[in-house]
């Protein structure tokens, strides 16, 4: 990497640190440029600004671009310097994607963990505020209906409207859905459009195939825009299903923005208590694999139909 390009990167980092132009900043830039070292086996470099605790290690620059830090597996990331027992700590850390063992630069986070925080926060915001692409929904063989929310802002501020179908949605479901199916499955965006895009291509077919293997009849799947969990109660009454299953994007956090859950209920009715729902949660690539979750959900539905119960009344 050219020295002038490296200087530009470091100047930007210093700017984010709110360092004022002057001899101190200039000295930091000059020293960092001189002390930047190559990453073994890579074409980029590690950047360390002495005395400022700024480090882009192990991220490195290649062809003018930084690698995608969202692809770093937090379970294997260990940035503590001079640990007492790294192996034992890393073994515990590998069990869950917690932000542990990320090290410090004085009393602050190192640059890489700080950037990871910001990237995760941005992904969470995108998941909440972006709509699911309609072409993607159609590619999954789903037609679209909407709740009584007329926008994302209304959806976020009026949860009650997200639990009720619009009059147009009611008529569309009556016209397009199979009447009185044993199981009705549908998809809702919920609080994560990213979860729908990431999981539905594997999750929905896995559930359908699992139910087919059990010789259980399914209804016509569809997509509910601006949907909350309890809208499934109205869907259940409309189509007359024995079991209704909602696949919905969950509220994203700083670990993942693509988590999905399945809310399943036997003979759901409007106004029923939440205790009558059975939930399969943490469906995503770093949690329960979508394909495996689909097989598990199909099995749960089979047991529900046999025992004619769901939620706290169902003993799995």
C-alpha atoms as a PDB file:
ATOM      1  CA  UNK A   1       0.000   0.000   0.000  1.00  0.00           C
ATOM      2  CA  UNK A   2       1.366   3.444  -0.911  1.00  0.00           C
ATOM      3  CA  UNK A   3       2.460   5.715   1.938  1.00  0.00           C
ATOM      4  CA  UNK A   4       0.208   8.540   0.777  1.00  0.00           C
ATOM      5  CA  UNK A   5      -2.839   6.243   0.783  1.00  0.00           C
ATOM      6  CA  UNK A   6      -1.941   4.996   4.259  1.00  0.00           C
ATOM      7  CA  UNK A   7      -1.601   8.580   5.457  1.00  0.00           C
ATOM      8  CA  UNK A   8      -5.127   9.356   4.221  1.00  0.00           C
ATOM      9  CA  UNK A   9      -6.601   6.395   6.117  1.00  0.00           C
ATOM     10  CA  UNK A  10      -4.844   7.348   9.355  1.00  0.00           C
ATOM     11  CA  UNK A  11      -5.874  10.981   9.034  1.00  0.00           C
ATOM     12  CA  UNK A  12      -9.506   9.871   8.757  1.00  0.00           C
ATOM     13  CA  UNK A  13      -9.137   7.751  11.900  1.00  0.00           C
ATOM     14  CA  UNK A  14      -7.633  10.695  13.781  1.00  0.00           C
ATOM     15  CA  UNK A  15     -10.471  12.907  12.582  1.00  0.00           C
ATOM     16  CA  UNK A  16     -13.024  10.463  14.034  1.00  0.00           C
ATOM     17  CA  UNK A  17     -11.095  10.646  17.306  1.00  0.00           C
ATOM     18  CA  UNK A  18     -11.728  14.413  17.302  1.00  0.00           C
ATOM     19  CA  UNK A  19      -8.008  15.243  17.347  1.00  0.00           C
ATOM     20  CA  UNK A  20      -7.424  18.844  16.303  1.00  0.00           C
ATOM     21  CA  UNK A  21      -4.955  19.543  13.480  1.00  0.00           C
ATOM     22  CA  UNK A  22      -1.529  20.351  14.839  1.00  0.00           C
ATOM     23  CA  UNK A  23       1.842  18.981  15.715  1.00  0.00           C
ATOM     24  CA  UNK A  24       0.432  16.143  17.861  1.00  0.00           C
ATOM     25  CA  UNK A  25      -1.786  14.813  15.095  1.00  0.00           C
ATOM     26  CA  UNK A  26       0.920  15.280  12.485  1.00  0.00           C
ATOM     27  CA  UNK A  27       3.422  13.380  14.597  1.00  0.00           C
ATOM     28  CA  UNK A  28       0.917  10.555  15.124  1.00  0.00           C
ATOM     29  CA  UNK A  29       0.315  10.257  11.388  1.00  0.00           C
ATOM     30  CA  UNK A  30       4.003  10.294  10.525  1.00  0.00           C
ATOM     31  CA  UNK A  31       4.853   7.726  13.198  1.00  0.00           C
ATOM     32  CA  UNK A  32       1.980   5.442  12.204  1.00  0.00           C
ATOM     33  CA  UNK A  33       2.953   5.542   8.541  1.00  0.00           C
ATOM     34  CA  UNK A  34       6.511   4.617   9.418  1.00  0.00           C
ATOM     35  CA  UNK A  35       5.497   1.816  11.782  1.00  0.00           C
ATOM     36  CA  UNK A  36       2.761   0.251   9.653  1.00  0.00           C
ATOM     37  CA  UNK A  37       3.725  -3.338   8.996  1.00  0.00           C
ATOM     38  CA  UNK A  38       2.663  -5.914   6.466  1.00  0.00           C
ATOM     39  CA  UNK A  39       0.255  -8.659   7.454  1.00  0.00           C
ATOM     40  CA  UNK A  40       1.915 -12.028   6.842  1.00  0.00           C
ATOM     41  CA  UNK A  41       0.301 -13.682   3.837  1.00  0.00           C
ATOM     42  CA  UNK A  42      -1.727 -10.599   2.939  1.00  0.00           C
ATOM     43  CA  UNK A  43      -1.327  -7.604   0.675  1.00  0.00           C
ATOM     44  CA  UNK A  44      -2.526  -5.117   3.274  1.00  0.00           C
ATOM     45  CA  UNK A  45      -1.096  -3.842   6.548  1.00  0.00           C
ATOM     46  CA  UNK A  46      -1.738  -3.554  10.236  1.00  0.00           C
ATOM     47  CA  UNK A  47      -2.163   0.020  11.451  1.00  0.00           C
ATOM     48  CA  UNK A  48      -1.250   1.117  14.941  1.00  0.00           C
ATOM     49  CA  UNK A  49      -1.095   4.741  16.101  1.00  0.00           C
ATOM     50  CA  UNK A  50       1.270   4.808  19.095  1.00  0.00           C
ATOM     51  CA  UNK A  51      -0.143   6.314  22.262  1.00  0.00           C
ATOM     52  CA  UNK A  52      -3.675   6.641  20.834  1.00  0.00           C
ATOM     53  CA  UNK A  53      -4.862   3.053  21.139  1.00  0.00           C
ATOM     54  CA  UNK A  54      -6.024   3.019  17.519  1.00  0.00           C
ATOM     55  CA  UNK A  55      -5.613  -0.304  15.768  1.00  0.00           C
ATOM     56  CA  UNK A  56      -7.183  -1.822  12.680  1.00  0.00           C
ATOM     57  CA  UNK A  57      -5.622  -5.197  13.480  1.00  0.00           C
ATOM     58  CA  UNK A  58      -6.591  -7.831  12.300  1.00  0.00           C
ATOM     59  CA  UNK A  59      -8.508  -5.964   9.596  1.00  0.00           C
ATOM     60  CA  UNK A  60      -6.252  -5.013   6.731  1.00  0.00           C
ATOM     61  CA  UNK A  61      -6.475  -2.900   3.618  1.00  0.00           C
ATOM     62  CA  UNK A  62      -6.438  -4.480   0.197  1.00  0.00           C
ATOM     63  CA  UNK A  63      -6.865  -2.697  -3.102  1.00  0.00           C
ATOM     64  CA  UNK A  64      -8.131   0.422  -1.338  1.00  0.00           C
ATOM     65  CA  UNK A  65     -10.956  -1.340   0.540  1.00  0.00           C
ATOM     66  CA  UNK A  66     -11.385  -2.755   4.029  1.00  0.00           C
ATOM     67  CA  UNK A  67     -12.691  -6.336   4.321  1.00  0.00           C
ATOM     68  CA  UNK A  68     -16.258  -6.864   5.518  1.00  0.00           C
ATOM     69  CA  UNK A  69     -15.949  -6.851   9.298  1.00  0.00           C
ATOM     70  CA  UNK A  70     -19.484  -8.205   9.660  1.00  0.00           C
ATOM     71  CA  UNK A  71     -18.145 -11.564   8.459  1.00  0.00           C
ATOM     72  CA  UNK A  72     -15.880 -11.925  11.500  1.00  0.00           C
ATOM     73  CA  UNK A  73     -17.068 -14.763  13.757  1.00  0.00           C
ATOM     74  CA  UNK A  74     -17.264 -13.253  17.250  1.00  0.00           C
ATOM     75  CA  UNK A  75     -16.940 -16.725  18.769  1.00  0.00           C
ATOM     76  CA  UNK A  76     -13.392 -17.022  17.439  1.00  0.00           C
ATOM     77  CA  UNK A  77     -12.330 -13.387  17.882  1.00  0.00           C
ATOM     78  CA  UNK A  78      -9.962 -12.920  20.814  1.00  0.00           C
ATOM     79  CA  UNK A  79      -8.117  -9.605  21.088  1.00  0.00           C
ATOM     80  CA  UNK A  80      -6.862  -9.580  24.682  1.00  0.00           C
ATOM     81  CA  UNK A  81      -3.135  -8.942  24.831  1.00  0.00           C
ATOM     82  CA  UNK A  82      -0.978 -11.147  27.063  1.00  0.00           C
ATOM     83  CA  UNK A  83      -3.860 -13.286  28.415  1.00  0.00           C
ATOM     84  CA  UNK A  84      -3.298 -15.497  31.450  1.00  0.00           C
ATOM     85  CA  UNK A  85      -5.138 -18.500  30.044  1.00  0.00           C
ATOM     86  CA  UNK A  86      -6.249 -17.778  26.487  1.00  0.00           C
ATOM     87  CA  UNK A  87      -7.122 -21.379  25.610  1.00  0.00           C
ATOM     88  CA  UNK A  88      -9.592 -21.872  28.473  1.00  0.00           C
ATOM     89  CA  UNK A  89     -11.228 -18.489  27.943  1.00  0.00           C
ATOM     90  CA  UNK A  90     -11.468 -18.975  24.183  1.00  0.00           C
ATOM     91  CA  UNK A  91     -13.082 -22.381  24.730  1.00  0.00           C
ATOM     92  CA  UNK A  92     -15.840 -20.802  26.821  1.00  0.00           C
ATOM     93  CA  UNK A  93     -16.224 -17.915  24.388  1.00  0.00           C
ATOM     94  CA  UNK A  94     -16.696 -20.312  21.462  1.00  0.00           C
ATOM     95  CA  UNK A  95     -19.960 -21.534  23.010  1.00  0.00           C
ATOM     96  CA  UNK A  96     -21.818 -18.265  22.304  1.00  0.00           C
ATOM     97  CA  UNK A  97     -21.299 -15.167  20.136  1.00  0.00           C
ATOM     98  CA  UNK A  98     -20.862 -12.812  23.088  1.00  0.00           C
ATOM     99  CA  UNK A  99     -18.635  -9.734  22.847  1.00  0.00           C
ATOM    100  CA  UNK A 100     -16.069 -10.998  25.325  1.00  0.00           C
ATOM    101  CA  UNK A 101     -12.302 -11.008  25.115  1.00  0.00           C
ATOM    102  CA  UNK A 102     -12.233  -8.046  22.728  1.00  0.00           C
ATOM    103  CA  UNK A 103      -9.419  -6.251  24.539  1.00  0.00           C
ATOM    104  CA  UNK A 104      -8.950  -2.586  25.388  1.00  0.00           C
ATOM    105  CA  UNK A 105      -6.890   0.409  24.366  1.00  0.00           C
ATOM    106  CA  UNK A 106      -6.478   2.053  27.731  1.00  0.00           C
ATOM    107  CA  UNK A 107      -9.969   2.570  29.093  1.00  0.00           C
ATOM    108  CA  UNK A 108     -11.583   2.327  25.666  1.00  0.00           C
ATOM    109  CA  UNK A 109     -12.458  -0.281  23.088  1.00  0.00           C
ATOM    110  CA  UNK A 110      -9.993  -1.017  20.343  1.00  0.00           C
ATOM    111  CA  UNK A 111     -10.892   0.323  16.914  1.00  0.00           C
ATOM    112  CA  UNK A 112     -11.954  -3.000  15.410  1.00  0.00           C
ATOM    113  CA  UNK A 113     -14.540  -3.878  18.109  1.00  0.00           C
ATOM    114  CA  UNK A 114     -15.808  -0.298  17.980  1.00  0.00           C
ATOM    115  CA  UNK A 115     -16.296  -0.559  14.219  1.00  0.00           C
ATOM    116  CA  UNK A 116     -18.000  -3.932  14.702  1.00  0.00           C
ATOM    117  CA  UNK A 117     -20.435  -2.326  17.152  1.00  0.00           C
ATOM    118  CA  UNK A 118     -21.247   0.385  14.619  1.00  0.00           C
ATOM    119  CA  UNK A 119     -21.653  -2.114  11.788  1.00  0.00           C
ATOM    120  CA  UNK A 120     -23.981  -4.294  13.876  1.00  0.00           C
ATOM    121  CA  UNK A 121     -26.031  -1.263  14.912  1.00  0.00           C
ATOM    122  CA  UNK A 122     -26.348  -0.167  11.284  1.00  0.00           C
ATOM    123  CA  UNK A 123     -27.444  -3.656  10.241  1.00  0.00           C
ATOM    124  CA  UNK A 124     -30.076  -3.663  12.993  1.00  0.00           C
ATOM    125  CA  UNK A 125     -31.443  -0.297  11.872  1.00  0.00           C
ATOM    126  CA  UNK A 126     -31.582  -1.421   8.244  1.00  0.00           C
ATOM    127  CA  UNK A 127     -33.416  -4.602   9.239  1.00  0.00           C
ATOM    128  CA  UNK A 128     -36.084  -2.633  11.124  1.00  0.00           C
ATOM    129  CA  UNK A 129     -36.635   0.265   8.737  1.00  0.00           C
ATOM    130  CA  UNK A 130     -36.260  -1.424   5.332  1.00  0.00           C
ATOM    131  CA  UNK A 131     -39.146  -3.250   3.682  1.00  0.00           C
ATOM    132  CA  UNK A 132     -38.820  -6.762   2.301  1.00  0.00           C
ATOM    133  CA  UNK A 133     -38.249  -6.641  -1.453  1.00  0.00           C
ATOM    134  CA  UNK A 134     -41.504  -7.487  -3.231  1.00  0.00           C
ATOM    135  CA  UNK A 135     -39.706  -9.313  -6.044  1.00  0.00           C
ATOM    136  CA  UNK A 136     -38.140 -11.591  -3.446  1.00  0.00           C
ATOM    137  CA  UNK A 137     -41.549 -12.324  -1.916  1.00  0.00           C
ATOM    138  CA  UNK A 138     -42.999 -13.193  -5.307  1.00  0.00           C
ATOM    139  CA  UNK A 139     -39.996 -15.407  -6.062  1.00  0.00           C
ATOM    140  CA  UNK A 140     -40.963 -17.480  -3.003  1.00  0.00           C
ATOM    141  CA  UNK A 141     -44.438 -18.058  -4.424  1.00  0.00           C
ATOM    142  CA  UNK A 142     -46.182 -15.793  -1.916  1.00  0.00           C
ATOM    143  CA  UNK A 143     -48.861 -13.187  -2.545  1.00  0.00           C
ATOM    144  CA  UNK A 144     -48.838 -10.009  -0.428  1.00  0.00           C
ATOM    145  CA  UNK A 145     -51.442  -8.609   1.950  1.00  0.00           C
ATOM    146  CA  UNK A 146     -51.099  -5.814   4.500  1.00  0.00           C
ATOM    147  CA  UNK A 147     -52.258  -5.026   8.012  1.00  0.00           C
ATOM    148  CA  UNK A 148     -54.021  -1.800   8.950  1.00  0.00           C
ATOM    149  CA  UNK A 149     -50.636  -0.031   9.176  1.00  0.00           C
ATOM    150  CA  UNK A 150     -50.121   2.322   6.232  1.00  0.00           C
ATOM    151  CA  UNK A 151     -46.385   2.860   6.743  1.00  0.00           C
ATOM    152  CA  UNK A 152     -43.349   1.666   8.670  1.00  0.00           C
ATOM    153  CA  UNK A 153     -43.706   4.592  11.082  1.00  0.00           C
ATOM    154  CA  UNK A 154     -47.292   3.603  11.850  1.00  0.00           C
ATOM    155  CA  UNK A 155     -46.207  -0.006  12.288  1.00  0.00           C
ATOM    156  CA  UNK A 156     -43.569   0.954  14.860  1.00  0.00           C
ATOM    157  CA  UNK A 157     -45.783   3.356  16.799  1.00  0.00           C
ATOM    158  CA  UNK A 158     -49.129   1.511  16.607  1.00  0.00           C
ATOM    159  CA  UNK A 159     -48.577  -2.176  17.440  1.00  0.00           C
ATOM    160  CA  UNK A 160     -52.349  -2.638  17.683  1.00  0.00           C
ATOM    161  CA  UNK A 161     -52.801  -1.902  13.970  1.00  0.00           C
ATOM    162  CA  UNK A 162     -50.155  -4.476  13.116  1.00  0.00           C
ATOM    163  CA  UNK A 163     -52.347  -7.138  14.716  1.00  0.00           C
ATOM    164  CA  UNK A 164     -55.302  -6.487  12.397  1.00  0.00           C
ATOM    165  CA  UNK A 165     -55.616  -7.164   8.679  1.00  0.00           C
ATOM    166  CA  UNK A 166     -56.783  -4.409   6.371  1.00  0.00           C
ATOM    167  CA  UNK A 167     -60.225  -4.903   4.756  1.00  0.00           C
ATOM    168  CA  UNK A 168     -58.488  -5.477   1.400  1.00  0.00           C
ATOM    169  CA  UNK A 169     -56.275  -8.151   2.972  1.00  0.00           C
ATOM    170  CA  UNK A 170     -59.291  -9.953   4.398  1.00  0.00           C
ATOM    171  CA  UNK A 171     -60.940 -10.130   0.974  1.00  0.00           C
ATOM    172  CA  UNK A 172     -57.711 -11.249  -0.726  1.00  0.00           C
ATOM    173  CA  UNK A 173     -57.154 -14.055   1.755  1.00  0.00           C
ATOM    174  CA  UNK A 174     -60.745 -15.216   1.402  1.00  0.00           C
ATOM    175  CA  UNK A 175     -60.374 -15.268  -2.381  1.00  0.00           C
ATOM    176  CA  UNK A 176     -56.922 -16.865  -2.699  1.00  0.00           C
ATOM    177  CA  UNK A 177     -56.468 -19.182   0.275  1.00  0.00           C
ATOM    178  CA  UNK A 178     -57.601 -22.780   0.582  1.00  0.00           C
ATOM    179  CA  UNK A 179     -60.547 -23.089   2.962  1.00  0.00           C
ATOM    180  CA  UNK A 180     -60.290 -25.098   6.186  1.00  0.00           C
ATOM    181  CA  UNK A 181     -56.723 -26.414   5.757  1.00  0.00           C
ATOM    182  CA  UNK A 182     -55.189 -28.517   8.494  1.00  0.00           C
ATOM    183  CA  UNK A 183     -52.227 -26.125   8.709  1.00  0.00           C
ATOM    184  CA  UNK A 184     -51.959 -22.530   7.523  1.00  0.00           C
ATOM    185  CA  UNK A 185     -48.446 -21.084   7.206  1.00  0.00           C
ATOM    186  CA  UNK A 186     -47.644 -17.490   6.348  1.00  0.00           C
ATOM    187  CA  UNK A 187     -44.668 -15.110   6.539  1.00  0.00           C
ATOM    188  CA  UNK A 188     -44.593 -11.662   8.169  1.00  0.00           C
ATOM    189  CA  UNK A 189     -41.860  -9.030   8.111  1.00  0.00           C
ATOM    190  CA  UNK A 190     -42.141  -8.210  11.812  1.00  0.00           C
ATOM    191  CA  UNK A 191     -39.170  -6.187  13.025  1.00  0.00           C
ATOM    192  CA  UNK A 192     -36.585  -7.582  10.599  1.00  0.00           C
ATOM    193  CA  UNK A 193     -36.848  -7.559   6.833  1.00  0.00           C
ATOM    194  CA  UNK A 194     -33.337  -9.052   6.751  1.00  0.00           C
ATOM    195  CA  UNK A 195     -34.554 -12.138   8.629  1.00  0.00           C
ATOM    196  CA  UNK A 196     -37.156 -12.841   5.961  1.00  0.00           C
ATOM    197  CA  UNK A 197     -34.632 -12.598   3.113  1.00  0.00           C
ATOM    198  CA  UNK A 198     -32.029 -14.682   4.957  1.00  0.00           C
ATOM    199  CA  UNK A 199     -34.190 -17.558   6.213  1.00  0.00           C
ATOM    200  CA  UNK A 200     -37.375 -18.055   4.207  1.00  0.00           C
ATOM    201  CA  UNK A 201     -35.763 -19.686   1.109  1.00  0.00           C
ATOM    202  CA  UNK A 202     -34.661 -22.624   3.313  1.00  0.00           C
ATOM    203  CA  UNK A 203     -37.120 -22.454   6.202  1.00  0.00           C
ATOM    204  CA  UNK A 204     -40.466 -22.420   4.385  1.00  0.00           C
ATOM    205  CA  UNK A 205     -39.694 -25.333   1.994  1.00  0.00           C
ATOM    206  CA  UNK A 206     -38.333 -27.370   4.915  1.00  0.00           C
ATOM    207  CA  UNK A 207     -41.586 -26.953   6.857  1.00  0.00           C
ATOM    208  CA  UNK A 208     -43.726 -27.760   3.819  1.00  0.00           C
ATOM    209  CA  UNK A 209     -41.674 -30.858   3.000  1.00  0.00           C
ATOM    210  CA  UNK A 210     -41.773 -32.003   6.616  1.00  0.00           C
ATOM    211  CA  UNK A 211     -45.562 -31.693   6.788  1.00  0.00           C
ATOM    212  CA  UNK A 212     -45.901 -33.446   3.455  1.00  0.00           C
ATOM    213  CA  UNK A 213     -43.857 -36.370   4.784  1.00  0.00           C
ATOM    214  CA  UNK A 214     -46.334 -36.608   7.678  1.00  0.00           C
ATOM    215  CA  UNK A 215     -49.242 -36.463   5.186  1.00  0.00           C
ATOM    216  CA  UNK A 216     -50.530 -33.252   6.762  1.00  0.00           C
ATOM    217  CA  UNK A 217     -52.524 -30.915   4.529  1.00  0.00           C
ATOM    218  CA  UNK A 218     -51.313 -27.327   4.211  1.00  0.00           C
ATOM    219  CA  UNK A 219     -53.061 -24.169   3.098  1.00  0.00           C
ATOM    220  CA  UNK A 220     -51.944 -21.425   0.705  1.00  0.00           C
ATOM    221  CA  UNK A 221     -48.879 -19.582   2.049  1.00  0.00           C
ATOM    222  CA  UNK A 222     -48.693 -15.792   1.740  1.00  0.00           C
ATOM    223  CA  UNK A 223     -46.869 -12.733   3.092  1.00  0.00           C
ATOM    224  CA  UNK A 224     -48.198 -10.128   5.552  1.00  0.00           C
ATOM    225  CA  UNK A 225     -46.615  -6.681   5.348  1.00  0.00           C
ATOM    226  CA  UNK A 226     -46.308  -4.750   8.635  1.00  0.00           C
ATOM    227  CA  UNK A 227     -47.450  -7.818  10.549  1.00  0.00           C
ATOM    228  CA  UNK A 228     -47.339  -8.506  14.284  1.00  0.00           C
ATOM    229  CA  UNK A 229     -47.563 -11.987  15.799  1.00  0.00           C
ATOM    230  CA  UNK A 230     -51.199 -11.753  16.910  1.00  0.00           C
ATOM    231  CA  UNK A 231     -52.442 -11.189  13.366  1.00  0.00           C
ATOM    232  CA  UNK A 232     -52.247 -14.977  13.104  1.00  0.00           C
ATOM    233  CA  UNK A 233     -55.371 -15.193  15.259  1.00  0.00           C
ATOM    234  CA  UNK A 234     -57.430 -13.380  12.634  1.00  0.00           C
ATOM    235  CA  UNK A 235     -55.796 -15.439   9.865  1.00  0.00           C
ATOM    236  CA  UNK A 236     -56.752 -18.637  11.705  1.00  0.00           C
ATOM    237  CA  UNK A 237     -60.387 -17.590  11.955  1.00  0.00           C
ATOM    238  CA  UNK A 238     -60.519 -16.444   8.326  1.00  0.00           C
ATOM    239  CA  UNK A 239     -59.233 -19.664   6.763  1.00  0.00           C
ATOM    240  CA  UNK A 240     -60.540 -22.078   9.408  1.00  0.00           C
ATOM    241  CA  UNK A 241     -57.183 -23.794  10.021  1.00  0.00           C
ATOM    242  CA  UNK A 242     -56.575 -26.287  12.833  1.00  0.00           C
ATOM    243  CA  UNK A 243     -53.019 -24.968  13.269  1.00  0.00           C
ATOM    244  CA  UNK A 244     -51.610 -21.618  12.157  1.00  0.00           C
ATOM    245  CA  UNK A 245     -47.867 -20.944  11.922  1.00  0.00           C
ATOM    246  CA  UNK A 246     -46.375 -17.449  11.628  1.00  0.00           C
ATOM    247  CA  UNK A 247     -42.781 -17.085  10.408  1.00  0.00           C
ATOM    248  CA  UNK A 248     -41.748 -13.594  11.490  1.00  0.00           C
ATOM    249  CA  UNK A 249     -38.612 -11.451  11.705  1.00  0.00           C
ATOM    250  CA  UNK A 250     -37.561 -10.749  15.280  1.00  0.00           C
ATOM    251  CA  UNK A 251     -36.215  -7.530  16.797  1.00  0.00           C
ATOM    252  CA  UNK A 252     -32.536  -7.349  15.736  1.00  0.00           C
ATOM    253  CA  UNK A 253     -29.706  -6.850  18.179  1.00  0.00           C
ATOM    254  CA  UNK A 254     -25.945  -6.371  18.080  1.00  0.00           C
ATOM    255  CA  UNK A 255     -25.287 -10.100  17.605  1.00  0.00           C
ATOM    256  CA  UNK A 256     -27.531 -10.688  14.591  1.00  0.00           C
ATOM    257  CA  UNK A 257     -30.086  -8.792  12.516  1.00  0.00           C
ATOM    258  CA  UNK A 258     -31.446 -11.903  10.782  1.00  0.00           C
ATOM    259  CA  UNK A 259     -33.123 -13.841  13.590  1.00  0.00           C
ATOM    260  CA  UNK A 260     -36.552 -15.308  12.832  1.00  0.00           C
ATOM    261  CA  UNK A 261     -39.122 -17.078  14.996  1.00  0.00           C
ATOM    262  CA  UNK A 262     -42.071 -19.344  14.357  1.00  0.00           C
ATOM    263  CA  UNK A 263     -45.218 -18.724  16.438  1.00  0.00           C
ATOM    264  CA  UNK A 264     -47.544 -21.712  16.246  1.00  0.00           C
ATOM    265  CA  UNK A 265     -51.041 -22.077  17.722  1.00  0.00           C
ATOM    266  CA  UNK A 266     -53.768 -24.700  17.737  1.00  0.00           C
ATOM    267  CA  UNK A 267     -57.259 -23.358  16.948  1.00  0.00           C
ATOM    268  CA  UNK A 268     -56.156 -19.737  17.379  1.00  0.00           C
ATOM    269  CA  UNK A 269     -58.874 -17.162  18.031  1.00  0.00           C
ATOM    270  CA  UNK A 270     -58.796 -13.363  18.229  1.00  0.00           C
ATOM    271  CA  UNK A 271     -58.123 -12.218  21.771  1.00  0.00           C
ATOM    272  CA  UNK A 272     -56.726 -15.513  23.030  1.00  0.00           C
ATOM    273  CA  UNK A 273     -53.958 -15.403  25.686  1.00  0.00           C
ATOM    274  CA  UNK A 274     -50.345 -15.444  24.567  1.00  0.00           C
ATOM    275  CA  UNK A 275     -49.801 -18.605  26.605  1.00  0.00           C
ATOM    276  CA  UNK A 276     -51.542 -20.566  23.844  1.00  0.00           C
ATOM    277  CA  UNK A 277     -48.653 -19.973  21.412  1.00  0.00           C
ATOM    278  CA  UNK A 278     -45.674 -22.277  20.981  1.00  0.00           C
ATOM    279  CA  UNK A 279     -42.501 -20.521  19.845  1.00  0.00           C
ATOM    280  CA  UNK A 280     -39.405 -21.713  18.010  1.00  0.00           C
ATOM    281  CA  UNK A 281     -36.895 -18.856  18.173  1.00  0.00           C
ATOM    282  CA  UNK A 282     -33.333 -17.954  17.143  1.00  0.00           C
ATOM    283  CA  UNK A 283     -33.686 -19.245  13.602  1.00  0.00           C
ATOM    284  CA  UNK A 284     -30.656 -17.918  11.720  1.00  0.00           C
ATOM    285  CA  UNK A 285     -27.301 -19.072  10.367  1.00  0.00           C
ATOM    286  CA  UNK A 286     -25.493 -18.671  13.705  1.00  0.00           C
ATOM    287  CA  UNK A 287     -28.388 -20.083  15.754  1.00  0.00           C
ATOM    288  CA  UNK A 288     -30.801 -22.825  14.697  1.00  0.00           C
ATOM    289  CA  UNK A 289     -30.157 -23.540  11.040  1.00  0.00           C
ATOM    290  CA  UNK A 290     -33.269 -22.661   8.940  1.00  0.00           C
ATOM    291  CA  UNK A 291     -33.485 -26.115   7.324  1.00  0.00           C
ATOM    292  CA  UNK A 292     -33.170 -27.884  10.684  1.00  0.00           C
ATOM    293  CA  UNK A 293     -35.672 -25.481  12.231  1.00  0.00           C
ATOM    294  CA  UNK A 294     -38.139 -26.294   9.448  1.00  0.00           C
ATOM    295  CA  UNK A 295     -37.981 -30.018  10.212  1.00  0.00           C
ATOM    296  CA  UNK A 296     -38.399 -29.317  13.940  1.00  0.00           C
ATOM    297  CA  UNK A 297     -41.406 -27.039  13.348  1.00  0.00           C
ATOM    298  CA  UNK A 298     -43.082 -29.679  11.186  1.00  0.00           C
ATOM    299  CA  UNK A 299     -42.647 -32.214  13.986  1.00  0.00           C
ATOM    300  CA  UNK A 300     -44.103 -29.815  16.568  1.00  0.00           C
ATOM    301  CA  UNK A 301     -47.143 -29.206  14.368  1.00  0.00           C
ATOM    302  CA  UNK A 302     -47.641 -32.954  14.044  1.00  0.00           C
ATOM    303  CA  UNK A 303     -47.626 -33.307  17.844  1.00  0.00           C
ATOM    304  CA  UNK A 304     -50.022 -30.358  18.193  1.00  0.00           C
ATOM    305  CA  UNK A 305     -52.534 -32.021  15.909  1.00  0.00           C
ATOM    306  CA  UNK A 306     -52.246 -35.303  17.795  1.00  0.00           C
ATOM    307  CA  UNK A 307     -52.658 -33.709  21.223  1.00  0.00           C
ATOM    308  CA  UNK A 308     -55.000 -30.899  20.081  1.00  0.00           C
ATOM    309  CA  UNK A 309     -53.100 -28.335  22.145  1.00  0.00           C
ATOM    310  CA  UNK A 310     -50.426 -25.650  21.911  1.00  0.00           C
ATOM    311  CA  UNK A 311     -48.505 -23.257  24.156  1.00  0.00           C
ATOM    312  CA  UNK A 312     -48.376 -24.115  27.854  1.00  0.00           C
ATOM    313  CA  UNK A 313     -51.025 -26.814  27.333  1.00  0.00           C
ATOM    314  CA  UNK A 314     -48.691 -28.746  25.022  1.00  0.00           C
ATOM    315  CA  UNK A 315     -46.131 -31.053  26.627  1.00  0.00           C
ATOM    316  CA  UNK A 316     -43.381 -31.741  24.117  1.00  0.00           C
END
